[in-house]
Amino acid sequence: MKKSISIWSFYGNWSLEQKMKLARDAGFEGFEIDLSEDGPVNLKSKKSDVEGVRKLAGKVGIQLSGLATGLYWGANAASADAAVRAKAAGILKRQIECANWLGLDAILVVPGAVGVDFIPGGEVVPYDLAYERAADFIKKAIPTAEKMGVTLGVENVWNKFLLTPLEMKAFIDGFKSQQVKSYFDVGNVLATGYPEHWISVLGRRIARVHLKDYRRAVGSVDGFVDLLSGDVNWAAVMAALKKVGYQGWVTAEMIPPVPFYKHCPEVLIHNTSKAMDAILKLA
């Protein structure tokens, strides 16, 4: 397995080159970039700009491992509002395009949300309608994804949707396309289940893996903690990944260092790298 870290793990005021160099120096092989409103890869970026990010990674000496985005939290693909659904479709199309320019074969997709507790006043969508709209959202993007060789990695995230590994498996299999898989997040299932069970059920459907840790007793988004300091059974997780033959990227997606690391936020990156080394030795 190859070790990577998400751009979201870094202090926001650092430049992209600073973040990449810190990741490299801390011992990471890969760097997960994101599509954002105004970051290095954004909704208005030109092809040359995006290719510049790819060249920068090569110059620094680190590989790009995936393309995530937080933009779906403001554009629910399962919304009752057709304009909101259209916005989500535009984000997905742009993700696929940028991934192609970056030389990436997988992106993180939030297919829709039934409800999101950390968005005050957010829309609550009936589950059956959310499922129908999410399926339509993914289905319409498959031809473009297939053309550009980009896998749509459906993430298990705190959206009150696709709550079990069996449901995620059925959702993915329903498309009958190798371009639809799972962008599996270990920490996101701790509140309601066991990541090792998800891995065993999803198996070959896993395109990417996010590593986070979580303390169940907290019960909210505040329960996410540094790797090895939560309730993830890392030995069981690594054994499950090994059993299903997963050999791809494992990417640390940490809570941003500020305000939690008020001083020396770069230490989070080094600590995360050391924790991942220990975790990977369990495989």
C-alpha atoms as a PDB file:
ATOM      1  CA  MET A   1       0.000   0.000   0.000  1.00  0.00           C
ATOM      2  CA  LYS A   2       1.136   3.543  -0.755  1.00  0.00           C
ATOM      3  CA  LYS A   3       1.092   6.322   1.854  1.00  0.00           C
ATOM      4  CA  SER A   4      -0.560   9.656   1.080  1.00  0.00           C
ATOM      5  CA  ILE A   5      -2.001  12.670   2.897  1.00  0.00           C
ATOM      6  CA  SER A   6      -4.901  14.995   2.106  1.00  0.00           C
ATOM      7  CA  ILE A   7      -4.407  18.688   1.404  1.00  0.00           C
ATOM      8  CA  TRP A   8      -7.025  19.305   4.107  1.00  0.00           C
ATOM      9  CA  SER A   9      -4.544  18.170   6.754  1.00  0.00           C
ATOM     10  CA  PHE A  10      -2.389  21.272   6.327  1.00  0.00           C
ATOM     11  CA  TYR A  11      -2.384  24.808   7.685  1.00  0.00           C
ATOM     12  CA  GLY A  12      -4.452  26.840   5.253  1.00  0.00           C
ATOM     13  CA  ASN A  13      -2.065  29.780   4.810  1.00  0.00           C
ATOM     14  CA  TRP A  14       0.783  27.646   3.526  1.00  0.00           C
ATOM     15  CA  SER A  15       1.348  27.602  -0.226  1.00  0.00           C
ATOM     16  CA  LEU A  16       0.673  24.436  -2.190  1.00  0.00           C
ATOM     17  CA  GLU A  17       4.403  23.977  -2.720  1.00  0.00           C
ATOM     18  CA  GLN A  18       5.031  24.299   1.032  1.00  0.00           C
ATOM     19  CA  LYS A  19       2.382  21.667   1.735  1.00  0.00           C
ATOM     20  CA  MET A  20       3.781  19.268  -0.844  1.00  0.00           C
ATOM     21  CA  LYS A  21       7.350  19.691   0.398  1.00  0.00           C
ATOM     22  CA  LEU A  22       6.293  19.144   4.001  1.00  0.00           C
ATOM     23  CA  ALA A  23       4.420  15.993   2.987  1.00  0.00           C
ATOM     24  CA  ARG A  24       7.450  14.717   1.094  1.00  0.00           C
ATOM     25  CA  ASP A  25       9.852  15.522   3.920  1.00  0.00           C
ATOM     26  CA  ALA A  26       7.559  13.824   6.432  1.00  0.00           C
ATOM     27  CA  GLY A  27       7.755  10.605   4.411  1.00  0.00           C
ATOM     28  CA  PHE A  28       4.611  10.626   2.300  1.00  0.00           C
ATOM     29  CA  GLU A  29       4.702   9.240  -1.228  1.00  0.00           C
ATOM     30  CA  GLY A  30       1.445  10.852  -2.264  1.00  0.00           C
ATOM     31  CA  PHE A  31      -0.576  14.041  -1.916  1.00  0.00           C
ATOM     32  CA  GLU A  32      -4.347  14.216  -2.318  1.00  0.00           C
ATOM     33  CA  ILE A  33      -5.414  17.481  -3.930  1.00  0.00           C
ATOM     34  CA  ASP A  34      -8.931  18.957  -3.837  1.00  0.00           C
ATOM     35  CA  LEU A  35     -11.306  20.836  -6.118  1.00  0.00           C
ATOM     36  CA  SER A  36     -12.388  24.007  -4.323  1.00  0.00           C
ATOM     37  CA  GLU A  37     -13.891  27.426  -4.893  1.00  0.00           C
ATOM     38  CA  ASP A  38     -10.593  29.299  -4.959  1.00  0.00           C
ATOM     39  CA  GLY A  39      -7.729  26.850  -4.378  1.00  0.00           C
ATOM     40  CA  PRO A  40      -4.998  25.634  -6.762  1.00  0.00           C
ATOM     41  CA  VAL A  41      -7.584  23.464  -8.555  1.00  0.00           C
ATOM     42  CA  ASN A  42     -10.928  25.234  -8.694  1.00  0.00           C
ATOM     43  CA  LEU A  43     -14.111  25.524 -10.707  1.00  0.00           C
ATOM     44  CA  LYS A  44     -12.587  28.221 -12.926  1.00  0.00           C
ATOM     45  CA  SER A  45      -9.092  26.805 -13.345  1.00  0.00           C
ATOM     46  CA  LYS A  46      -7.779  26.576 -16.886  1.00  0.00           C
ATOM     47  CA  LYS A  47      -6.275  23.365 -18.175  1.00  0.00           C
ATOM     48  CA  SER A  48      -2.823  24.962 -18.049  1.00  0.00           C
ATOM     49  CA  ASP A  49      -3.338  25.908 -14.388  1.00  0.00           C
ATOM     50  CA  VAL A  50      -4.326  22.366 -13.438  1.00  0.00           C
ATOM     51  CA  GLU A  51      -1.464  20.867 -15.405  1.00  0.00           C
ATOM     52  CA  GLY A  52       0.781  23.291 -13.516  1.00  0.00           C
ATOM     53  CA  VAL A  53      -0.238  21.582 -10.265  1.00  0.00           C
ATOM     54  CA  ARG A  54       0.759  18.241 -11.761  1.00  0.00           C
ATOM     55  CA  LYS A  55       4.125  19.674 -12.811  1.00  0.00           C
ATOM     56  CA  LEU A  56       4.650  21.160  -9.354  1.00  0.00           C
ATOM     57  CA  ALA A  57       4.141  17.758  -7.746  1.00  0.00           C
ATOM     58  CA  GLY A  58       6.718  16.311 -10.119  1.00  0.00           C
ATOM     59  CA  LYS A  59       9.147  19.095  -9.296  1.00  0.00           C
ATOM     60  CA  VAL A  60       8.702  18.574  -5.553  1.00  0.00           C
ATOM     61  CA  GLY A  61       9.026  14.806  -5.922  1.00  0.00           C
ATOM     62  CA  ILE A  62       5.633  13.631  -4.740  1.00  0.00           C
ATOM     63  CA  GLN A  63       2.794  11.852  -6.543  1.00  0.00           C
ATOM     64  CA  LEU A  64      -0.767  13.090  -6.754  1.00  0.00           C
ATOM     65  CA  SER A  65      -2.927  10.317  -5.304  1.00  0.00           C
ATOM     66  CA  GLY A  66      -6.523  11.474  -5.732  1.00  0.00           C
ATOM     67  CA  LEU A  67      -8.926  14.364  -6.121  1.00  0.00           C
ATOM     68  CA  ALA A  68     -11.396  15.141  -3.346  1.00  0.00           C
ATOM     69  CA  THR A  69     -13.788  18.064  -2.903  1.00  0.00           C
ATOM     70  CA  GLY A  70     -15.882  19.625  -0.174  1.00  0.00           C
ATOM     71  CA  LEU A  71     -18.107  21.423  -2.663  1.00  0.00           C
ATOM     72  CA  TYR A  72     -20.905  18.860  -2.460  1.00  0.00           C
ATOM     73  CA  TRP A  73     -21.777  20.117   1.032  1.00  0.00           C
ATOM     74  CA  GLY A  74     -23.104  23.207  -0.708  1.00  0.00           C
ATOM     75  CA  ALA A  75     -24.643  21.300  -3.597  1.00  0.00           C
ATOM     76  CA  ASN A  76     -26.640  18.246  -2.565  1.00  0.00           C
ATOM     77  CA  ALA A  77     -26.997  15.954  -5.563  1.00  0.00           C
ATOM     78  CA  ALA A  78     -30.156  14.535  -3.950  1.00  0.00           C
ATOM     79  CA  SER A  79     -31.816  17.910  -3.356  1.00  0.00           C
ATOM     80  CA  ALA A  80     -35.455  18.514  -4.214  1.00  0.00           C
ATOM     81  CA  ASP A  81     -34.257  21.667  -5.983  1.00  0.00           C
ATOM     82  CA  ALA A  82     -33.348  20.908  -9.600  1.00  0.00           C
ATOM     83  CA  ALA A  83     -30.982  23.900  -9.683  1.00  0.00           C
ATOM     84  CA  VAL A  84     -29.007  22.497  -6.738  1.00  0.00           C
ATOM     85  CA  ARG A  85     -28.825  19.090  -8.419  1.00  0.00           C
ATOM     86  CA  ALA A  86     -27.583  20.751 -11.601  1.00  0.00           C
ATOM     87  CA  LYS A  87     -24.879  22.528  -9.584  1.00  0.00           C
ATOM     88  CA  ALA A  88     -23.751  19.185  -8.159  1.00  0.00           C
ATOM     89  CA  ALA A  89     -23.648  17.688 -11.655  1.00  0.00           C
ATOM     90  CA  GLY A  90     -21.456  20.570 -12.777  1.00  0.00           C
ATOM     91  CA  ILE A  91     -19.062  19.966  -9.891  1.00  0.00           C
ATOM     92  CA  LEU A  92     -18.798  16.280 -10.752  1.00  0.00           C
ATOM     93  CA  LYS A  93     -18.164  16.993 -14.421  1.00  0.00           C
ATOM     94  CA  ARG A  94     -15.460  19.457 -13.449  1.00  0.00           C
ATOM     95  CA  GLN A  95     -13.898  16.934 -11.054  1.00  0.00           C
ATOM     96  CA  ILE A  96     -13.665  14.329 -13.789  1.00  0.00           C
ATOM     97  CA  GLU A  97     -12.122  16.837 -16.167  1.00  0.00           C
ATOM     98  CA  CYS A  98      -9.551  18.076 -13.646  1.00  0.00           C
ATOM     99  CA  ALA A  99      -8.649  14.529 -12.622  1.00  0.00           C
ATOM    100  CA  ASN A 100      -7.912  13.757 -16.256  1.00  0.00           C
ATOM    101  CA  TRP A 101      -5.671  16.823 -16.537  1.00  0.00           C
ATOM    102  CA  LEU A 102      -3.900  15.831 -13.322  1.00  0.00           C
ATOM    103  CA  GLY A 103      -3.285  12.293 -14.552  1.00  0.00           C
ATOM    104  CA  LEU A 104      -5.489  10.808 -11.817  1.00  0.00           C
ATOM    105  CA  ASP A 105      -7.729   7.775 -12.163  1.00  0.00           C
ATOM    106  CA  ALA A 106     -10.047   8.329  -9.164  1.00  0.00           C
ATOM    107  CA  ILE A 107     -12.063  11.080  -7.512  1.00  0.00           C
ATOM    108  CA  LEU A 108     -14.055  11.325  -4.297  1.00  0.00           C
ATOM    109  CA  VAL A 109     -17.798  11.790  -4.816  1.00  0.00           C
ATOM    110  CA  VAL A 110     -20.539  12.476  -2.264  1.00  0.00           C
ATOM    111  CA  PRO A 111     -23.557  11.172  -4.229  1.00  0.00           C
ATOM    112  CA  GLY A 112     -26.136  13.032  -2.180  1.00  0.00           C
ATOM    113  CA  ALA A 113     -27.320  13.572   1.366  1.00  0.00           C
ATOM    114  CA  VAL A 114     -30.466  12.691   3.285  1.00  0.00           C
ATOM    115  CA  GLY A 115     -29.400  15.163   5.971  1.00  0.00           C
ATOM    116  CA  VAL A 116     -26.232  16.721   7.373  1.00  0.00           C
ATOM    117  CA  ASP A 117     -26.135  17.581  11.066  1.00  0.00           C
ATOM    118  CA  PHE A 118     -23.161  19.931  10.803  1.00  0.00           C
ATOM    119  CA  ILE A 119     -24.930  22.168   8.265  1.00  0.00           C
ATOM    120  CA  PRO A 120     -27.460  24.245  10.274  1.00  0.00           C
ATOM    121  CA  GLY A 121     -30.825  24.418   8.557  1.00  0.00           C
ATOM    122  CA  GLY A 122     -29.728  22.010   5.854  1.00  0.00           C
ATOM    123  CA  GLU A 123     -32.273  20.294   3.643  1.00  0.00           C
ATOM    124  CA  VAL A 124     -33.636  16.931   4.766  1.00  0.00           C
ATOM    125  CA  VAL A 125     -34.459  14.656   1.836  1.00  0.00           C
ATOM    126  CA  PRO A 126     -36.708  11.552   2.084  1.00  0.00           C
ATOM    127  CA  TYR A 127     -34.414   8.528   1.914  1.00  0.00           C
ATOM    128  CA  ASP A 128     -36.086   6.851  -1.060  1.00  0.00           C
ATOM    129  CA  LEU A 129     -35.960  10.047  -3.113  1.00  0.00           C
ATOM    130  CA  ALA A 130     -32.340  10.638  -2.103  1.00  0.00           C
ATOM    131  CA  TYR A 131     -31.441   7.152  -3.322  1.00  0.00           C
ATOM    132  CA  GLU A 132     -33.227   7.669  -6.636  1.00  0.00           C
ATOM    133  CA  ARG A 133     -31.639  11.067  -7.271  1.00  0.00           C
ATOM    134  CA  ALA A 134     -28.162   9.952  -6.170  1.00  0.00           C
ATOM    135  CA  ALA A 135     -28.318   6.974  -8.522  1.00  0.00           C
ATOM    136  CA  ASP A 136     -29.371   9.248 -11.383  1.00  0.00           C
ATOM    137  CA  PHE A 137     -26.549  11.670 -10.527  1.00  0.00           C
ATOM    138  CA  ILE A 138     -23.890   8.962 -10.749  1.00  0.00           C
ATOM    139  CA  LYS A 139     -25.431   7.223 -13.765  1.00  0.00           C
ATOM    140  CA  LYS A 140     -25.376  10.386 -15.893  1.00  0.00           C
ATOM    141  CA  ALA A 141     -21.673  10.919 -15.164  1.00  0.00           C
ATOM    142  CA  ILE A 142     -20.530   7.405 -16.079  1.00  0.00           C
ATOM    143  CA  PRO A 143     -20.087   7.973 -19.847  1.00  0.00           C
ATOM    144  CA  THR A 144     -17.771  10.941 -19.196  1.00  0.00           C
ATOM    145  CA  ALA A 145     -15.904   9.045 -16.486  1.00  0.00           C
ATOM    146  CA  GLU A 146     -15.421   6.054 -18.782  1.00  0.00           C
ATOM    147  CA  LYS A 147     -14.220   8.273 -21.621  1.00  0.00           C
ATOM    148  CA  MET A 148     -11.640   9.974 -19.402  1.00  0.00           C
ATOM    149  CA  GLY A 149     -10.622   6.865 -17.447  1.00  0.00           C
ATOM    150  CA  VAL A 150     -11.671   8.277 -14.086  1.00  0.00           C
ATOM    151  CA  THR A 151     -13.263   6.169 -11.356  1.00  0.00           C
ATOM    152  CA  LEU A 152     -16.135   7.734  -9.406  1.00  0.00           C
ATOM    153  CA  GLY A 153     -15.291   6.878  -5.803  1.00  0.00           C
ATOM    154  CA  VAL A 154     -18.470   7.052  -3.725  1.00  0.00           C
ATOM    155  CA  GLU A 155     -17.555   8.075  -0.187  1.00  0.00           C
ATOM    156  CA  ASN A 156     -19.170   6.797   2.976  1.00  0.00           C
ATOM    157  CA  VAL A 157     -19.571  10.079   4.815  1.00  0.00           C
ATOM    158  CA  TRP A 158     -21.786  11.711   7.426  1.00  0.00           C
ATOM    159  CA  ASN A 159     -24.717  12.291   5.054  1.00  0.00           C
ATOM    160  CA  LYS A 160     -27.203   9.832   6.631  1.00  0.00           C
ATOM    161  CA  PHE A 161     -27.112   7.883   3.349  1.00  0.00           C
ATOM    162  CA  LEU A 162     -25.744   4.457   2.342  1.00  0.00           C
ATOM    163  CA  LEU A 163     -25.398   3.611   6.009  1.00  0.00           C
ATOM    164  CA  THR A 164     -24.301  -0.036   5.748  1.00  0.00           C
ATOM    165  CA  PRO A 165     -21.676  -1.872   3.691  1.00  0.00           C
ATOM    166  CA  LEU A 166     -24.375  -4.030   2.110  1.00  0.00           C
ATOM    167  CA  GLU A 167     -26.248  -0.953   0.929  1.00  0.00           C
ATOM    168  CA  MET A 168     -23.064   0.642  -0.423  1.00  0.00           C
ATOM    169  CA  LYS A 169     -22.223  -2.589  -2.240  1.00  0.00           C
ATOM    170  CA  ALA A 170     -25.686  -2.762  -3.828  1.00  0.00           C
ATOM    171  CA  PHE A 171     -25.542   0.912  -4.819  1.00  0.00           C
ATOM    172  CA  ILE A 172     -22.179   0.466  -6.556  1.00  0.00           C
ATOM    173  CA  ASP A 173     -23.093  -2.829  -8.230  1.00  0.00           C
ATOM    174  CA  GLY A 174     -26.309  -1.340  -9.576  1.00  0.00           C
ATOM    175  CA  PHE A 175     -24.377   0.724 -12.127  1.00  0.00           C
ATOM    176  CA  LYS A 176     -22.616  -2.292 -13.655  1.00  0.00           C
ATOM    177  CA  SER A 177     -19.604  -0.111 -14.421  1.00  0.00           C
ATOM    178  CA  GLN A 178     -15.955  -0.471 -13.436  1.00  0.00           C
ATOM    179  CA  GLN A 179     -15.863   3.332 -13.171  1.00  0.00           C
ATOM    180  CA  VAL A 180     -18.018   3.323 -10.026  1.00  0.00           C
ATOM    181  CA  LYS A 181     -16.327   2.158  -6.832  1.00  0.00           C
ATOM    182  CA  SER A 182     -15.853   3.133  -3.196  1.00  0.00           C
ATOM    183  CA  TYR A 183     -13.667   5.906  -1.771  1.00  0.00           C
ATOM    184  CA  PHE A 184     -13.705   4.199   1.610  1.00  0.00           C
ATOM    185  CA  ASP A 185     -13.164   6.217   4.776  1.00  0.00           C
ATOM    186  CA  VAL A 186     -12.134   4.120   7.782  1.00  0.00           C
ATOM    187  CA  GLY A 187     -12.991   6.676  10.460  1.00  0.00           C
ATOM    188  CA  ASN A 188     -16.362   7.698   9.092  1.00  0.00           C
ATOM    189  CA  VAL A 189     -18.038   4.399  10.004  1.00  0.00           C
ATOM    190  CA  LEU A 190     -16.886   4.227  13.635  1.00  0.00           C
ATOM    191  CA  ALA A 191     -19.981   5.977  14.973  1.00  0.00           C
ATOM    192  CA  THR A 192     -22.296   3.273  13.642  1.00  0.00           C
ATOM    193  CA  GLY A 193     -20.219   0.267  12.636  1.00  0.00           C
ATOM    194  CA  TYR A 194     -16.891  -1.427  12.057  1.00  0.00           C
ATOM    195  CA  PRO A 195     -14.579  -0.475   9.158  1.00  0.00           C
ATOM    196  CA  GLU A 196     -13.154  -3.989   8.885  1.00  0.00           C
ATOM    197  CA  HIS A 197     -16.674  -5.253   8.092  1.00  0.00           C
ATOM    198  CA  TRP A 198     -17.088  -2.640   5.352  1.00  0.00           C
ATOM    199  CA  ILE A 199     -13.757  -3.613   3.808  1.00  0.00           C
ATOM    200  CA  SER A 200     -14.655  -7.300   3.754  1.00  0.00           C
ATOM    201  CA  VAL A 201     -18.004  -6.602   2.077  1.00  0.00           C
ATOM    202  CA  LEU A 202     -16.773  -4.021  -0.437  1.00  0.00           C
ATOM    203  CA  GLY A 203     -13.600  -5.885  -1.389  1.00  0.00           C
ATOM    204  CA  ARG A 204     -12.563  -5.188  -4.991  1.00  0.00           C
ATOM    205  CA  ARG A 205     -14.959  -2.237  -5.089  1.00  0.00           C
ATOM    206  CA  ILE A 206     -12.559  -0.119  -3.019  1.00  0.00           C
ATOM    207  CA  ALA A 207     -10.681   2.352  -5.217  1.00  0.00           C
ATOM    208  CA  ARG A 208      -9.136   4.512  -2.491  1.00  0.00           C
ATOM    209  CA  VAL A 209      -8.886   4.450   1.308  1.00  0.00           C
ATOM    210  CA  HIS A 210      -9.010   7.385   3.705  1.00  0.00           C
ATOM    211  CA  LEU A 211      -7.531   6.946   7.166  1.00  0.00           C
ATOM    212  CA  LYS A 212      -9.050   8.778  10.116  1.00  0.00           C
ATOM    213  CA  ASP A 213      -9.534   7.813  13.752  1.00  0.00           C
ATOM    214  CA  TYR A 214     -12.566   8.439  15.939  1.00  0.00           C
ATOM    215  CA  ARG A 215     -13.696   8.179  19.564  1.00  0.00           C
ATOM    216  CA  ARG A 216     -17.169   6.686  19.743  1.00  0.00           C
ATOM    217  CA  ALA A 217     -17.898   8.143  23.187  1.00  0.00           C
ATOM    218  CA  VAL A 218     -17.902  11.671  21.744  1.00  0.00           C
ATOM    219  CA  GLY A 219     -20.617  10.834  19.232  1.00  0.00           C
ATOM    220  CA  SER A 220     -20.280  13.952  17.068  1.00  0.00           C
ATOM    221  CA  VAL A 221     -17.871  15.335  14.470  1.00  0.00           C
ATOM    222  CA  ASP A 222     -15.734  16.463  17.410  1.00  0.00           C
ATOM    223  CA  GLY A 223     -14.858  12.787  17.940  1.00  0.00           C
ATOM    224  CA  PHE A 224     -12.268  12.697  15.155  1.00  0.00           C
ATOM    225  CA  VAL A 225      -8.773  12.469  16.633  1.00  0.00           C
ATOM    226  CA  ASP A 226      -5.167  11.788  15.637  1.00  0.00           C
ATOM    227  CA  LEU A 227      -4.412   8.368  14.186  1.00  0.00           C
ATOM    228  CA  LEU A 228      -3.893   5.669  16.840  1.00  0.00           C
ATOM    229  CA  SER A 229      -5.661   7.739  19.514  1.00  0.00           C
ATOM    230  CA  GLY A 230      -9.228   6.659  18.733  1.00  0.00           C
ATOM    231  CA  ASP A 231     -11.273   3.458  18.609  1.00  0.00           C
ATOM    232  CA  VAL A 232     -10.321   2.080  15.189  1.00  0.00           C
ATOM    233  CA  ASN A 233      -9.129  -1.528  15.442  1.00  0.00           C
ATOM    234  CA  TRP A 234      -6.186  -0.940  13.143  1.00  0.00           C
ATOM    235  CA  ALA A 235      -4.970  -4.547  13.224  1.00  0.00           C
ATOM    236  CA  ALA A 236      -8.395  -5.724  12.027  1.00  0.00           C
ATOM    237  CA  VAL A 237      -8.584  -2.985   9.382  1.00  0.00           C
ATOM    238  CA  MET A 238      -5.177  -3.811   7.933  1.00  0.00           C
ATOM    239  CA  ALA A 239      -5.908  -7.535   8.007  1.00  0.00           C
ATOM    240  CA  ALA A 240      -9.154  -6.913   6.110  1.00  0.00           C
ATOM    241  CA  LEU A 241      -7.402  -4.758   3.490  1.00  0.00           C
ATOM    242  CA  LYS A 242      -4.748  -7.426   3.030  1.00  0.00           C
ATOM    243  CA  LYS A 243      -7.361 -10.179   2.707  1.00  0.00           C
ATOM    244  CA  VAL A 244      -9.269  -8.368  -0.071  1.00  0.00           C
ATOM    245  CA  GLY A 245      -5.987  -7.671  -1.886  1.00  0.00           C
ATOM    246  CA  TYR A 246      -6.037  -3.889  -1.626  1.00  0.00           C
ATOM    247  CA  GLN A 247      -2.695  -2.414  -2.712  1.00  0.00           C
ATOM    248  CA  GLY A 248      -3.636   1.174  -3.557  1.00  0.00           C
ATOM    249  CA  TRP A 249      -3.305   4.540  -1.865  1.00  0.00           C
ATOM    250  CA  VAL A 250      -4.100   4.949   1.820  1.00  0.00           C
ATOM    251  CA  THR A 251      -4.551   8.648   2.515  1.00  0.00           C
ATOM    252  CA  ALA A 252      -4.594  10.349   5.895  1.00  0.00           C
ATOM    253  CA  GLU A 253      -7.415  12.886   6.036  1.00  0.00           C
ATOM    254  CA  MET A 254      -6.801  14.797   9.243  1.00  0.00           C
ATOM    255  CA  ILE A 255      -8.701  17.547  10.982  1.00  0.00           C
ATOM    256  CA  PRO A 256      -6.989  20.838   9.971  1.00  0.00           C
ATOM    257  CA  PRO A 257      -4.152  21.596  12.432  1.00  0.00           C
ATOM    258  CA  VAL A 258      -5.470  25.013  13.469  1.00  0.00           C
ATOM    259  CA  PRO A 259      -6.962  25.546  16.057  1.00  0.00           C
ATOM    260  CA  PHE A 260      -6.062  22.079  17.394  1.00  0.00           C
ATOM    261  CA  TYR A 261      -2.335  22.516  16.773  1.00  0.00           C
ATOM    262  CA  LYS A 262      -2.113  26.185  17.729  1.00  0.00           C
ATOM    263  CA  HIS A 263       1.668  26.053  17.699  1.00  0.00           C
ATOM    264  CA  CYS A 264       3.908  24.258  15.203  1.00  0.00           C
ATOM    265  CA  PRO A 265       1.070  22.829  13.026  1.00  0.00           C
ATOM    266  CA  GLU A 266       3.645  21.027  10.894  1.00  0.00           C
ATOM    267  CA  VAL A 267       4.019  18.552  13.751  1.00  0.00           C
ATOM    268  CA  LEU A 268       0.612  17.077  12.846  1.00  0.00           C
ATOM    269  CA  ILE A 269       2.003  16.026   9.462  1.00  0.00           C
ATOM    270  CA  HIS A 270       5.068  14.336  10.967  1.00  0.00           C
ATOM    271  CA  ASN A 271       3.008  12.654  13.698  1.00  0.00           C
ATOM    272  CA  THR A 272       0.535  11.398  11.110  1.00  0.00           C
ATOM    273  CA  SER A 273       3.327   9.949   8.989  1.00  0.00           C
ATOM    274  CA  LYS A 274       4.800   8.067  11.960  1.00  0.00           C
ATOM    275  CA  ALA A 275       1.368   6.757  12.946  1.00  0.00           C
ATOM    276  CA  MET A 276       0.742   5.558   9.386  1.00  0.00           C
ATOM    277  CA  ASP A 277       4.092   3.762   9.311  1.00  0.00           C
ATOM    278  CA  ALA A 278       3.076   1.872  12.418  1.00  0.00           C
ATOM    279  CA  ILE A 279      -0.381   1.113  11.016  1.00  0.00           C
ATOM    280  CA  LEU A 280       0.973  -0.150   7.702  1.00  0.00           C
ATOM    281  CA  LYS A 281       3.319  -2.545   9.517  1.00  0.00           C
ATOM    282  CA  LEU A 282       0.223  -4.271  10.877  1.00  0.00           C
ATOM    283  CA  ALA A 283      -0.704  -5.482   7.372  1.00  0.00           C
END
